[in-house]
Amino acid sequence: MDATLLLERLGRQIEEMRKSRGLTQVQLAYQSGMTRQKLAEVEKGSPTVAVNFYAKVLAALNAEIKVVSARRPTFEELREVFQ
């Protein structure tokens, strides 16, 4: 499994959790001790963002990572590959 795809999935899950809790990027960034721009990079699953930033956001959301067996990419995830 590609590490970039894993980070993109994690970023998407973080974004969904933020939205489900009714938080804006500005609010969650403040709670996480980072800028809104850095949070946006986390939510995009940027591989250039240090894992520490992902951990800060997860801590602010009172969430954790659960390691599960990999699944195949969805069509939506593959769409960008074939464009």
Protein backbone atom coordinates (compact mmCIF):
# COMPACT_ATOMS: atom_id res chain seq x y z
CA MET A 1 0.00 0.00 0.00
CA ASP A 2 1.28 3.43 -0.92
CA ALA A 3 2.15 5.64 2.07
CA THR A 4 0.75 8.70 0.31
CA LEU A 5 -2.65 7.03 -0.03
CA LEU A 6 -2.61 6.14 3.67
CA LEU A 7 -1.93 9.76 4.61
CA GLU A 8 -4.70 10.96 2.29
CA ARG A 9 -7.14 8.58 3.97
CA LEU A 10 -6.04 9.73 7.42
CA GLY A 11 -6.41 13.36 6.40
CA ARG A 12 -9.91 12.71 5.05
CA GLN A 13 -10.92 10.97 8.27
CA ILE A 14 -9.60 13.90 10.32
CA GLU A 15 -11.57 16.35 8.16
CA GLU A 16 -14.76 14.27 8.50
CA MET A 17 -14.33 14.08 12.27
CA ARG A 18 -13.77 17.84 12.50
CA LYS A 19 -16.88 18.55 10.46
CA SER A 20 -19.01 16.03 12.38
CA ARG A 21 -18.10 17.88 15.57
CA GLY A 22 -19.11 21.21 14.04
CA LEU A 23 -15.60 22.68 14.14
CA THR A 24 -14.09 25.02 11.59
CA GLN A 25 -10.49 24.64 10.49
CA VAL A 26 -9.65 27.79 12.44
CA GLN A 27 -11.16 26.39 15.65
CA LEU A 28 -9.45 23.01 15.39
CA ALA A 29 -6.15 24.58 14.38
CA TYR A 30 -6.28 26.77 17.50
CA GLN A 31 -7.10 23.78 19.71
CA SER A 32 -4.23 21.86 18.10
CA GLY A 33 -1.71 24.70 18.50
CA MET A 34 -1.05 25.16 14.79
CA THR A 35 -2.03 27.42 11.93
CA ARG A 36 -5.12 26.88 9.80
CA GLN A 37 -2.82 26.42 6.80
CA LYS A 38 -0.97 23.58 8.53
CA LEU A 39 -4.28 21.93 9.47
CA ALA A 40 -5.39 22.21 5.83
CA GLU A 41 -2.21 20.33 4.84
CA VAL A 42 -2.97 17.64 7.44
CA GLU A 43 -6.52 17.26 6.10
CA LYS A 44 -5.13 16.89 2.57
CA GLY A 45 -2.82 14.14 3.80
CA SER A 46 0.34 15.96 2.85
CA PRO A 47 3.40 13.71 3.12
CA THR A 48 5.58 16.76 3.88
CA VAL A 49 3.82 17.39 7.21
CA ALA A 50 5.55 15.86 10.22
CA VAL A 51 3.66 13.08 11.98
CA ASN A 52 3.71 15.25 15.10
CA PHE A 53 1.12 17.55 13.48
CA TYR A 54 -1.18 14.63 12.75
CA ALA A 55 -0.80 13.58 16.41
CA LYS A 56 -1.62 17.10 17.66
CA VAL A 57 -4.84 17.18 15.65
CA LEU A 58 -5.86 13.71 16.80
CA ALA A 59 -5.19 14.69 20.42
CA ALA A 60 -7.30 17.85 20.03
CA LEU A 61 -10.12 15.71 18.62
CA ASN A 62 -9.67 13.21 21.48
CA ALA A 63 -9.16 10.52 18.84
CA GLU A 64 -6.64 7.79 18.16
CA ILE A 65 -5.44 5.72 15.25
CA LYS A 66 -6.49 2.11 14.95
CA VAL A 67 -4.33 -0.04 12.68
CA VAL A 68 -6.37 -2.35 10.46
CA SER A 69 -5.61 -4.46 7.40
CA ALA A 70 -5.26 -2.44 4.23
CA ARG A 71 -8.11 -2.26 1.76
CA ARG A 72 -7.97 -1.68 -1.93
CA PRO A 73 -8.25 1.94 -3.13
CA THR A 74 -11.72 3.10 -4.14
CA PHE A 75 -12.54 4.25 -7.66
CA GLU A 76 -12.60 7.83 -6.39
CA GLU A 77 -9.10 7.44 -4.98
CA LEU A 78 -7.87 5.99 -8.28
CA ARG A 79 -9.63 8.58 -10.46
CA GLU A 80 -6.75 11.05 -10.04
CA VAL A 81 -4.26 8.44 -11.24
CA PHE A 82 -6.01 8.05 -14.57
CA GLN A 83 -6.67 11.71 -15.34
